[in-house]
Amino acid sequence: MNMLTFDKKTSHHSTPFIAEHVFAVENISAGQQDEKQIKAKQLLDRLFPLEQGSHQDVTSYQIDYHHVLAYFKDGTHSGLSNNQQFAAFIGEKECPTSILFRDGAGSHVELLIARHQGTGKVQLVSIDDIQLETNTMFNETSGMRHWISLVKGDEQGRPQACSEDKEYRGKCGGEYFLTYCYEL
């Protein structure tokens, strides 16, 4: 599993920052959901930053044409700093249930958004899960895709892993498939 391919920028830290943030999310027990939400949103801020603001302050996400827009409590909104990182989504454009990001190296990260119960007031987005794509290569032309769940885990906070086909709507409107077994 090589989770260090999500960002090719030079890091000022002695260890890769992606690993630090992934481990920070993974090491929080299931009983500490508020802390897990904070760490998960910090991971999004590092991997997929917004032009303005933080994922910590987002009240909703929407798909507008080929862009992800993050809305804040004061009614303002922001897109991603690098909109090329937005790949696909599930659900309605006004209220996606899942947003798929892709880094420059082709690795995917899926943000699954939790649904709020109607309370009558503006609430911050809750993350149901963040799933990181990892790959196992069988040879130079074929491999298997795995998804590592960062937010959902066992009682000790250990991440869950699965291999499954996933189907999305691409940002240009077409189908976007990620199969668990693939050929290059």
N, C-alpha and C. Protein backbone atom coordinates (compact mmCIF):
# COMPACT_ATOMS: atom_id res chain seq x y z
N MET A 1 0.84 -1.16 0.00
CA MET A 1 0.00 0.00 0.00
C MET A 1 0.89 1.23 0.00
N ASN A 2 0.69 2.09 -0.99
CA ASN A 2 1.51 3.29 -1.09
C ASN A 2 0.62 4.51 -1.04
N MET A 3 0.39 5.03 0.16
CA MET A 3 -0.46 6.20 0.31
C MET A 3 0.34 7.48 0.13
N LEU A 4 1.63 7.41 -0.11
CA LEU A 4 2.46 8.58 -0.22
C LEU A 4 2.41 9.19 -1.61
N THR A 5 1.65 8.64 -2.53
CA THR A 5 1.59 9.16 -3.88
C THR A 5 0.51 10.21 -4.06
N PHE A 6 -0.18 10.61 -3.03
CA PHE A 6 -1.28 11.54 -3.17
C PHE A 6 -0.82 12.97 -3.43
N ASP A 7 0.41 13.32 -3.13
CA ASP A 7 0.86 14.69 -3.33
C ASP A 7 2.32 14.66 -3.74
N LYS A 8 2.62 15.33 -4.82
CA LYS A 8 3.99 15.34 -5.31
C LYS A 8 4.73 16.60 -4.89
N LYS A 9 4.10 17.49 -4.13
CA LYS A 9 4.77 18.70 -3.67
C LYS A 9 5.80 18.35 -2.61
N THR A 10 6.82 19.17 -2.53
CA THR A 10 7.86 18.97 -1.54
C THR A 10 7.32 19.32 -0.17
N SER A 11 7.58 18.49 0.80
CA SER A 11 7.12 18.71 2.16
C SER A 11 8.26 19.27 3.00
N HIS A 12 7.91 20.18 3.93
CA HIS A 12 8.90 20.74 4.83
C HIS A 12 9.13 19.84 6.03
N HIS A 13 8.34 18.81 6.19
CA HIS A 13 8.44 17.93 7.35
C HIS A 13 9.47 16.83 7.08
N SER A 14 9.99 16.26 8.17
CA SER A 14 10.96 15.17 8.01
C SER A 14 10.29 13.88 7.57
N THR A 15 8.99 13.72 7.83
CA THR A 15 8.24 12.57 7.34
C THR A 15 7.15 13.10 6.41
N PRO A 16 6.69 12.31 5.46
CA PRO A 16 5.66 12.78 4.53
C PRO A 16 4.39 13.20 5.27
N PHE A 17 3.89 14.39 4.93
CA PHE A 17 2.74 14.92 5.66
C PHE A 17 1.49 14.09 5.44
N ILE A 18 1.33 13.46 4.29
CA ILE A 18 0.14 12.66 4.05
C ILE A 18 0.05 11.53 5.06
N ALA A 19 1.15 10.88 5.32
CA ALA A 19 1.15 9.78 6.29
C ALA A 19 0.80 10.29 7.67
N GLU A 20 1.32 11.45 8.05
CA GLU A 20 1.01 12.02 9.36
C GLU A 20 -0.48 12.25 9.52
N HIS A 21 -1.12 12.83 8.51
CA HIS A 21 -2.54 13.13 8.60
C HIS A 21 -3.40 11.87 8.53
N VAL A 22 -3.01 10.92 7.70
CA VAL A 22 -3.74 9.65 7.63
C VAL A 22 -3.69 8.95 8.98
N PHE A 23 -2.50 8.86 9.56
CA PHE A 23 -2.36 8.19 10.86
C PHE A 23 -3.10 8.96 11.95
N ALA A 24 -3.14 10.28 11.86
CA ALA A 24 -3.88 11.07 12.85
C ALA A 24 -5.35 10.71 12.84
N VAL A 25 -5.92 10.52 11.66
CA VAL A 25 -7.33 10.13 11.56
C VAL A 25 -7.51 8.70 12.05
N GLU A 26 -6.65 7.80 11.61
CA GLU A 26 -6.77 6.38 11.95
C GLU A 26 -6.63 6.12 13.45
N ASN A 27 -5.81 6.89 14.13
CA ASN A 27 -5.51 6.62 15.54
C ASN A 27 -6.56 7.10 16.52
N ILE A 28 -7.61 7.71 16.05
CA ILE A 28 -8.67 8.18 16.94
C ILE A 28 -9.72 7.08 17.05
N SER A 29 -10.10 6.75 18.26
CA SER A 29 -11.06 5.66 18.47
C SER A 29 -12.44 6.05 17.97
N ALA A 30 -13.25 5.04 17.73
CA ALA A 30 -14.59 5.25 17.21
C ALA A 30 -15.45 6.11 18.14
N GLY A 31 -15.16 6.11 19.41
CA GLY A 31 -15.93 6.88 20.38
C GLY A 31 -15.63 8.37 20.35
N GLN A 32 -14.61 8.79 19.65
CA GLN A 32 -14.21 10.19 19.59
C GLN A 32 -14.56 10.78 18.22
N GLN A 33 -15.83 10.75 17.85
CA GLN A 33 -16.24 11.17 16.51
C GLN A 33 -15.97 12.64 16.22
N ASP A 34 -16.12 13.53 17.21
CA ASP A 34 -15.85 14.94 16.96
C ASP A 34 -14.38 15.15 16.58
N GLU A 35 -13.49 14.51 17.30
CA GLU A 35 -12.06 14.62 17.00
C GLU A 35 -11.74 13.98 15.65
N LYS A 36 -12.40 12.88 15.34
CA LYS A 36 -12.19 12.20 14.05
C LYS A 36 -12.64 13.11 12.90
N GLN A 37 -13.75 13.85 13.08
CA GLN A 37 -14.23 14.79 12.07
C GLN A 37 -13.20 15.89 11.83
N ILE A 38 -12.64 16.43 12.90
CA ILE A 38 -11.65 17.50 12.79
C ILE A 38 -10.42 17.01 12.02
N LYS A 39 -9.91 15.85 12.38
CA LYS A 39 -8.72 15.31 11.72
C LYS A 39 -9.00 14.96 10.26
N ALA A 40 -10.18 14.43 9.97
CA ALA A 40 -10.54 14.09 8.60
C ALA A 40 -10.61 15.35 7.73
N LYS A 41 -11.16 16.43 8.27
CA LYS A 41 -11.25 17.68 7.52
C LYS A 41 -9.88 18.32 7.37
N GLN A 42 -8.99 18.14 8.34
CA GLN A 42 -7.61 18.62 8.19
C GLN A 42 -6.92 17.87 7.04
N LEU A 43 -7.20 16.58 6.93
CA LEU A 43 -6.64 15.81 5.82
C LEU A 43 -7.13 16.36 4.48
N LEU A 44 -8.43 16.68 4.39
CA LEU A 44 -8.97 17.28 3.16
C LEU A 44 -8.31 18.62 2.87
N ASP A 45 -8.09 19.42 3.92
CA ASP A 45 -7.42 20.72 3.73
C ASP A 45 -6.02 20.55 3.17
N ARG A 46 -5.32 19.51 3.57
CA ARG A 46 -3.96 19.28 3.07
C ARG A 46 -3.95 18.70 1.67
N LEU A 47 -4.83 17.75 1.40
CA LEU A 47 -4.83 17.08 0.09
C LEU A 47 -5.57 17.86 -0.99
N PHE A 48 -6.70 18.46 -0.62
CA PHE A 48 -7.58 19.12 -1.58
C PHE A 48 -8.03 20.47 -1.02
N PRO A 49 -7.09 21.41 -0.89
CA PRO A 49 -7.43 22.70 -0.27
C PRO A 49 -8.42 23.50 -1.09
N LEU A 50 -9.17 24.33 -0.39
CA LEU A 50 -10.09 25.26 -1.03
C LEU A 50 -9.34 26.54 -1.39
N GLU A 51 -9.85 27.27 -2.38
CA GLU A 51 -9.25 28.56 -2.72
C GLU A 51 -9.28 29.50 -1.51
N GLN A 52 -10.40 29.49 -0.81
CA GLN A 52 -10.58 30.30 0.39
C GLN A 52 -11.28 29.46 1.44
N GLY A 53 -10.88 29.62 2.68
CA GLY A 53 -11.53 28.91 3.77
C GLY A 53 -10.99 27.51 3.96
N SER A 54 -11.69 26.78 4.83
CA SER A 54 -11.28 25.44 5.23
C SER A 54 -12.47 24.49 5.14
N HIS A 55 -12.16 23.22 4.90
CA HIS A 55 -13.21 22.19 4.93
C HIS A 55 -13.84 22.12 6.33
N GLN A 56 -13.13 22.60 7.35
CA GLN A 56 -13.66 22.61 8.73
C GLN A 56 -14.93 23.45 8.84
N ASP A 57 -15.07 24.47 7.98
CA ASP A 57 -16.16 25.44 8.10
C ASP A 57 -17.26 25.25 7.06
N VAL A 58 -17.21 24.18 6.29
CA VAL A 58 -18.16 23.97 5.20
C VAL A 58 -19.51 23.48 5.75
N THR A 59 -20.59 24.10 5.24
CA THR A 59 -21.94 23.67 5.61
C THR A 59 -22.58 22.79 4.54
N SER A 60 -22.10 22.91 3.29
CA SER A 60 -22.59 22.03 2.23
C SER A 60 -21.63 22.08 1.04
N TYR A 61 -21.70 21.03 0.25
CA TYR A 61 -20.96 20.96 -1.00
C TYR A 61 -21.98 20.87 -2.12
N GLN A 62 -21.67 21.50 -3.26
CA GLN A 62 -22.52 21.41 -4.44
C GLN A 62 -21.63 21.27 -5.67
N ILE A 63 -22.20 20.68 -6.70
CA ILE A 63 -21.51 20.55 -7.97
C ILE A 63 -22.10 21.61 -8.88
N ASP A 64 -21.26 22.49 -9.41
CA ASP A 64 -21.69 23.55 -10.30
C ASP A 64 -20.89 23.43 -11.59
N TYR A 65 -21.56 23.00 -12.63
CA TYR A 65 -20.94 22.74 -13.92
C TYR A 65 -19.85 21.69 -13.73
N HIS A 66 -18.59 22.00 -13.82
CA HIS A 66 -17.51 21.02 -13.65
C HIS A 66 -16.71 21.28 -12.39
N HIS A 67 -17.32 21.93 -11.41
CA HIS A 67 -16.61 22.36 -10.21
C HIS A 67 -17.31 21.90 -8.94
N VAL A 68 -16.53 21.72 -7.88
CA VAL A 68 -17.07 21.51 -6.54
C VAL A 68 -17.07 22.86 -5.85
N LEU A 69 -18.20 23.23 -5.27
CA LEU A 69 -18.28 24.45 -4.49
C LEU A 69 -18.56 24.09 -3.05
N ALA A 70 -17.82 24.71 -2.15
CA ALA A 70 -18.01 24.53 -0.72
C ALA A 70 -18.69 25.80 -0.18
N TYR A 71 -19.82 25.63 0.51
CA TYR A 71 -20.57 26.77 1.05
C TYR A 71 -20.32 26.87 2.56
N PHE A 72 -20.29 28.13 3.03
CA PHE A 72 -20.02 28.42 4.43
C PHE A 72 -21.26 29.04 5.09
N LYS A 73 -21.24 29.14 6.43
CA LYS A 73 -22.38 29.66 7.19
C LYS A 73 -22.82 31.05 6.76
N ASP A 74 -21.87 31.89 6.37
CA ASP A 74 -22.21 33.27 5.99
C ASP A 74 -22.73 33.38 4.56
N GLY A 75 -22.90 32.25 3.86
CA GLY A 75 -23.43 32.25 2.51
C GLY A 75 -22.38 32.34 1.42
N THR A 76 -21.13 32.59 1.78
CA THR A 76 -20.08 32.64 0.78
C THR A 76 -19.73 31.21 0.36
N HIS A 77 -19.00 31.11 -0.73
CA HIS A 77 -18.57 29.80 -1.22
C HIS A 77 -17.19 29.89 -1.82
N SER A 78 -16.59 28.72 -2.00
CA SER A 78 -15.24 28.62 -2.56
C SER A 78 -15.13 27.32 -3.33
N GLY A 79 -14.31 27.35 -4.36
CA GLY A 79 -13.99 26.14 -5.10
C GLY A 79 -12.68 25.57 -4.59
N LEU A 80 -12.25 24.50 -5.21
CA LEU A 80 -10.96 23.92 -4.88
C LEU A 80 -9.84 24.81 -5.41
N SER A 81 -8.71 24.81 -4.74
CA SER A 81 -7.55 25.53 -5.25
C SER A 81 -7.12 24.98 -6.60
N ASN A 82 -7.27 23.66 -6.78
CA ASN A 82 -6.95 23.01 -8.04
C ASN A 82 -8.16 22.19 -8.46
N ASN A 83 -9.00 22.76 -9.32
CA ASN A 83 -10.23 22.06 -9.70
C ASN A 83 -9.97 20.79 -10.50
N GLN A 84 -8.76 20.60 -11.01
CA GLN A 84 -8.43 19.36 -11.72
C GLN A 84 -8.52 18.16 -10.77
N GLN A 85 -8.50 18.40 -9.47
CA GLN A 85 -8.57 17.31 -8.49
C GLN A 85 -9.99 16.75 -8.35
N PHE A 86 -11.00 17.45 -8.80
CA PHE A 86 -12.37 16.96 -8.76
C PHE A 86 -12.60 16.03 -9.93
N ALA A 87 -13.02 14.79 -9.65
CA ALA A 87 -13.19 13.80 -10.71
C ALA A 87 -14.65 13.43 -10.96
N ALA A 88 -15.42 13.18 -9.88
CA ALA A 88 -16.77 12.66 -10.06
C ALA A 88 -17.56 12.80 -8.76
N PHE A 89 -18.83 12.40 -8.81
CA PHE A 89 -19.68 12.47 -7.62
C PHE A 89 -20.82 11.46 -7.71
N ILE A 90 -21.49 11.26 -6.58
CA ILE A 90 -22.70 10.44 -6.49
C ILE A 90 -23.77 11.32 -5.87
N GLY A 91 -24.99 11.17 -6.33
CA GLY A 91 -26.11 11.94 -5.80
C GLY A 91 -26.49 13.08 -6.72
N GLU A 92 -27.21 14.02 -6.16
CA GLU A 92 -27.66 15.18 -6.92
C GLU A 92 -26.61 16.27 -6.87
N LYS A 93 -26.56 17.10 -7.90
CA LYS A 93 -25.59 18.19 -7.94
C LYS A 93 -25.76 19.15 -6.75
N GLU A 94 -26.99 19.37 -6.33
CA GLU A 94 -27.27 20.29 -5.23
C GLU A 94 -26.96 19.68 -3.87
N CYS A 95 -26.84 18.37 -3.83
CA CYS A 95 -26.64 17.69 -2.54
C CYS A 95 -25.95 16.34 -2.77
N PRO A 96 -24.67 16.36 -3.19
CA PRO A 96 -23.99 15.08 -3.45
C PRO A 96 -23.80 14.29 -2.16
N THR A 97 -23.87 12.97 -2.28
CA THR A 97 -23.63 12.10 -1.13
C THR A 97 -22.18 11.63 -1.10
N SER A 98 -21.48 11.79 -2.23
CA SER A 98 -20.09 11.37 -2.33
C SER A 98 -19.40 12.25 -3.37
N ILE A 99 -18.16 12.65 -3.06
CA ILE A 99 -17.35 13.41 -4.01
C ILE A 99 -16.03 12.66 -4.18
N LEU A 100 -15.65 12.43 -5.42
CA LEU A 100 -14.42 11.71 -5.73
C LEU A 100 -13.36 12.70 -6.21
N PHE A 101 -12.22 12.69 -5.52
CA PHE A 101 -11.09 13.53 -5.88
C PHE A 101 -10.00 12.64 -6.50
N ARG A 102 -9.15 13.26 -7.30
CA ARG A 102 -8.04 12.54 -7.93
C ARG A 102 -6.82 13.44 -7.94
N ASP A 103 -5.70 12.91 -7.47
CA ASP A 103 -4.48 13.72 -7.45
C ASP A 103 -3.76 13.62 -8.79
N GLY A 104 -2.67 14.33 -8.92
CA GLY A 104 -1.92 14.37 -10.17
C GLY A 104 -1.34 13.03 -10.58
N ALA A 105 -1.14 12.12 -9.63
CA ALA A 105 -0.60 10.80 -9.93
C ALA A 105 -1.70 9.79 -10.29
N GLY A 106 -2.96 10.20 -10.20
CA GLY A 106 -4.06 9.31 -10.57
C GLY A 106 -4.71 8.58 -9.42
N SER A 107 -4.26 8.79 -8.19
CA SER A 107 -4.87 8.13 -7.04
C SER A 107 -6.16 8.85 -6.64
N HIS A 108 -7.13 8.09 -6.18
CA HIS A 108 -8.43 8.64 -5.82
C HIS A 108 -8.64 8.68 -4.31
N VAL A 109 -9.43 9.66 -3.89
CA VAL A 109 -9.90 9.78 -2.51
C VAL A 109 -11.38 10.09 -2.59
N GLU A 110 -12.19 9.30 -1.89
CA GLU A 110 -13.63 9.50 -1.90
C GLU A 110 -14.08 10.09 -0.57
N LEU A 111 -14.81 11.20 -0.66
CA LEU A 111 -15.42 11.85 0.50
C LEU A 111 -16.88 11.47 0.53
N LEU A 112 -17.31 10.74 1.57
CA LEU A 112 -18.70 10.38 1.73
C LEU A 112 -19.31 11.31 2.77
N ILE A 113 -20.37 12.00 2.38
CA ILE A 113 -20.96 13.05 3.20
C ILE A 113 -22.16 12.49 3.96
N ALA A 114 -22.19 12.74 5.27
CA ALA A 114 -23.30 12.29 6.11
C ALA A 114 -24.49 13.23 5.93
N ARG A 115 -25.65 12.71 6.06
CA ARG A 115 -26.88 13.50 5.95
C ARG A 115 -27.30 13.97 7.33
N HIS A 116 -27.70 15.24 7.41
CA HIS A 116 -28.17 15.81 8.67
C HIS A 116 -29.67 15.59 8.82
N GLN A 117 -30.10 15.43 10.04
CA GLN A 117 -31.52 15.46 10.34
C GLN A 117 -31.94 16.93 10.36
N GLY A 118 -33.15 17.23 9.96
CA GLY A 118 -33.61 18.61 9.92
C GLY A 118 -33.70 19.22 11.32
N THR A 119 -32.81 20.16 11.61
CA THR A 119 -32.84 20.83 12.91
C THR A 119 -33.30 22.27 12.78
N GLY A 120 -33.39 22.76 11.54
CA GLY A 120 -33.82 24.13 11.33
C GLY A 120 -32.70 25.15 11.40
N LYS A 121 -31.48 24.72 11.68
CA LYS A 121 -30.36 25.66 11.69
C LYS A 121 -29.24 25.14 10.81
N VAL A 122 -28.39 26.05 10.38
CA VAL A 122 -27.28 25.70 9.51
C VAL A 122 -26.25 24.92 10.31
N GLN A 123 -25.86 23.77 9.78
CA GLN A 123 -24.90 22.90 10.46
C GLN A 123 -23.68 22.67 9.57
N LEU A 124 -22.56 22.38 10.19
CA LEU A 124 -21.37 22.03 9.44
C LEU A 124 -21.54 20.65 8.83
N VAL A 125 -20.89 20.43 7.71
CA VAL A 125 -20.93 19.13 7.05
C VAL A 125 -20.30 18.08 7.97
N SER A 126 -20.94 16.93 8.06
CA SER A 126 -20.36 15.79 8.77
C SER A 126 -19.86 14.80 7.73
N ILE A 127 -18.67 14.30 7.98
CA ILE A 127 -18.07 13.34 7.07
C ILE A 127 -18.45 11.94 7.53
N ASP A 128 -19.11 11.20 6.65
CA ASP A 128 -19.45 9.82 6.95
C ASP A 128 -18.21 8.94 6.83
N ASP A 129 -17.38 9.22 5.81
CA ASP A 129 -16.15 8.46 5.63
C ASP A 129 -15.26 9.16 4.62
N ILE A 130 -13.98 8.87 4.69
CA ILE A 130 -13.02 9.21 3.66
C ILE A 130 -12.34 7.90 3.30
N GLN A 131 -12.39 7.55 2.02
CA GLN A 131 -11.78 6.31 1.57
C GLN A 131 -10.63 6.62 0.64
N LEU A 132 -9.47 6.05 0.95
CA LEU A 132 -8.26 6.23 0.15
C LEU A 132 -8.10 5.04 -0.78
N GLU A 133 -7.79 5.30 -2.02
CA GLU A 133 -7.52 4.24 -2.99
C GLU A 133 -6.07 3.80 -2.88
N THR A 134 -5.86 2.51 -2.80
CA THR A 134 -4.53 1.94 -2.88
C THR A 134 -4.57 0.83 -3.93
N ASN A 135 -3.43 0.44 -4.42
CA ASN A 135 -3.39 -0.56 -5.49
C ASN A 135 -2.36 -1.64 -5.20
N THR A 136 -2.70 -2.84 -5.59
CA THR A 136 -1.77 -3.96 -5.58
C THR A 136 -1.59 -4.37 -7.03
N MET A 137 -0.38 -4.32 -7.51
CA MET A 137 -0.11 -4.70 -8.90
C MET A 137 0.24 -6.19 -8.96
N PHE A 138 -0.41 -6.91 -9.89
CA PHE A 138 -0.11 -8.33 -10.10
C PHE A 138 1.07 -8.48 -11.04
N ASN A 139 1.13 -7.62 -12.02
CA ASN A 139 2.25 -7.56 -12.96
C ASN A 139 2.27 -6.14 -13.51
N GLU A 140 2.99 -5.89 -14.58
CA GLU A 140 3.09 -4.53 -15.11
C GLU A 140 1.82 -4.01 -15.74
N THR A 141 0.85 -4.88 -16.03
CA THR A 141 -0.35 -4.44 -16.75
C THR A 141 -1.66 -4.64 -16.00
N SER A 142 -1.66 -5.31 -14.87
CA SER A 142 -2.93 -5.52 -14.16
C SER A 142 -2.74 -5.40 -12.65
N GLY A 143 -3.84 -5.08 -12.01
CA GLY A 143 -3.78 -4.91 -10.57
C GLY A 143 -5.14 -4.97 -9.93
N MET A 144 -5.16 -4.72 -8.63
CA MET A 144 -6.40 -4.72 -7.85
C MET A 144 -6.44 -3.45 -7.02
N ARG A 145 -7.60 -2.80 -7.02
CA ARG A 145 -7.81 -1.55 -6.30
C ARG A 145 -8.42 -1.87 -4.94
N HIS A 146 -7.89 -1.25 -3.90
CA HIS A 146 -8.41 -1.40 -2.54
C HIS A 146 -8.84 -0.03 -2.03
N TRP A 147 -9.84 0.00 -1.17
CA TRP A 147 -10.30 1.23 -0.54
C TRP A 147 -10.09 1.10 0.96
N ILE A 148 -9.35 2.05 1.53
CA ILE A 148 -9.09 2.07 2.96
C ILE A 148 -9.97 3.14 3.59
N SER A 149 -10.82 2.72 4.52
CA SER A 149 -11.74 3.63 5.19
C SER A 149 -11.03 4.28 6.38
N LEU A 150 -11.01 5.61 6.42
CA LEU A 150 -10.32 6.31 7.50
C LEU A 150 -11.24 6.65 8.67
N VAL A 151 -12.49 7.00 8.39
CA VAL A 151 -13.39 7.44 9.46
C VAL A 151 -14.10 6.26 10.09
N LYS A 152 -14.59 5.35 9.27
CA LYS A 152 -15.26 4.16 9.80
C LYS A 152 -14.19 3.13 10.14
N GLY A 153 -14.29 2.59 11.31
CA GLY A 153 -13.33 1.58 11.73
C GLY A 153 -13.89 0.76 12.85
N ASP A 154 -13.05 -0.09 13.40
CA ASP A 154 -13.50 -0.91 14.52
C ASP A 154 -13.45 -0.09 15.82
N GLU A 155 -13.71 -0.73 16.93
CA GLU A 155 -13.76 -0.05 18.23
C GLU A 155 -12.44 0.62 18.60
N GLN A 156 -11.34 0.08 18.11
CA GLN A 156 -10.02 0.65 18.39
C GLN A 156 -9.63 1.73 17.38
N GLY A 157 -10.51 2.00 16.41
CA GLY A 157 -10.22 3.02 15.42
C GLY A 157 -9.40 2.53 14.25
N ARG A 158 -9.15 1.22 14.17
CA ARG A 158 -8.38 0.69 13.04
C ARG A 158 -9.21 0.79 11.77
N PRO A 159 -8.57 1.17 10.67
CA PRO A 159 -9.32 1.36 9.42
C PRO A 159 -9.81 0.04 8.84
N GLN A 160 -10.87 0.15 8.06
CA GLN A 160 -11.42 -1.00 7.35
C GLN A 160 -10.97 -0.91 5.89
N ALA A 161 -10.85 -2.05 5.25
CA ALA A 161 -10.46 -2.09 3.84
C ALA A 161 -11.46 -2.93 3.06
N CYS A 162 -11.66 -2.58 1.79
CA CYS A 162 -12.54 -3.37 0.94
C CYS A 162 -12.08 -3.22 -0.51
N SER A 163 -12.51 -4.13 -1.34
CA SER A 163 -12.30 -4.07 -2.78
C SER A 163 -13.66 -4.22 -3.42
N GLU A 164 -14.06 -3.22 -4.19
CA GLU A 164 -15.38 -3.25 -4.82
C GLU A 164 -15.38 -2.34 -6.04
N ASP A 165 -16.30 -2.62 -6.96
CA ASP A 165 -16.50 -1.73 -8.09
C ASP A 165 -17.25 -0.50 -7.60
N LYS A 166 -16.92 0.67 -8.14
CA LYS A 166 -17.60 1.91 -7.77
C LYS A 166 -18.00 2.64 -9.04
N GLU A 167 -19.21 3.21 -9.00
CA GLU A 167 -19.74 3.91 -10.16
C GLU A 167 -20.15 5.33 -9.74
N TYR A 168 -19.70 6.31 -10.51
CA TYR A 168 -19.96 7.71 -10.21
C TYR A 168 -20.47 8.40 -11.48
N ARG A 169 -20.87 9.66 -11.30
CA ARG A 169 -21.14 10.53 -12.43
C ARG A 169 -19.93 11.46 -12.55
N GLY A 170 -19.27 11.43 -13.69
CA GLY A 170 -18.09 12.26 -13.90
C GLY A 170 -18.44 13.73 -13.91
N LYS A 171 -17.46 14.57 -13.66
CA LYS A 171 -17.73 16.01 -13.60
C LYS A 171 -18.21 16.57 -14.93
N CYS A 172 -17.95 15.88 -16.03
CA CYS A 172 -18.44 16.30 -17.34
C CYS A 172 -19.78 15.66 -17.68
N GLY A 173 -20.36 14.89 -16.76
CA GLY A 173 -21.69 14.32 -16.93
C GLY A 173 -21.72 12.85 -17.32
N GLY A 174 -20.63 12.30 -17.79
CA GLY A 174 -20.60 10.89 -18.20
C GLY A 174 -20.39 9.95 -17.03
N GLU A 175 -20.41 8.66 -17.32
CA GLU A 175 -20.17 7.65 -16.28
C GLU A 175 -18.70 7.60 -15.94
N TYR A 176 -18.41 7.33 -14.69
CA TYR A 176 -17.02 7.24 -14.20
C TYR A 176 -16.95 5.98 -13.36
N PHE A 177 -16.34 4.92 -13.90
CA PHE A 177 -16.25 3.63 -13.22
C PHE A 177 -14.86 3.41 -12.65
N LEU A 178 -14.82 2.84 -11.46
CA LEU A 178 -13.57 2.36 -10.88
C LEU A 178 -13.81 0.90 -10.50
N THR A 179 -13.21 -0.01 -11.25
CA THR A 179 -13.38 -1.43 -10.97
C THR A 179 -12.30 -1.88 -10.02
N TYR A 180 -12.58 -2.91 -9.24
CA TYR A 180 -11.58 -3.36 -8.28
C TYR A 180 -10.44 -4.12 -8.93
N CYS A 181 -10.69 -4.78 -10.05
CA CYS A 181 -9.61 -5.40 -10.85
C CYS A 181 -9.51 -4.62 -12.15
N TYR A 182 -8.31 -4.29 -12.55
CA TYR A 182 -8.15 -3.47 -13.74
C TYR A 182 -6.90 -3.86 -14.51
N GLU A 183 -6.87 -3.44 -15.77
CA GLU A 183 -5.71 -3.62 -16.63
C GLU A 183 -5.30 -2.27 -17.14
N LEU A 184 -4.01 -2.05 -17.20
CA LEU A 184 -3.47 -0.76 -17.70
C LEU A 184 -3.43 -0.73 -19.20
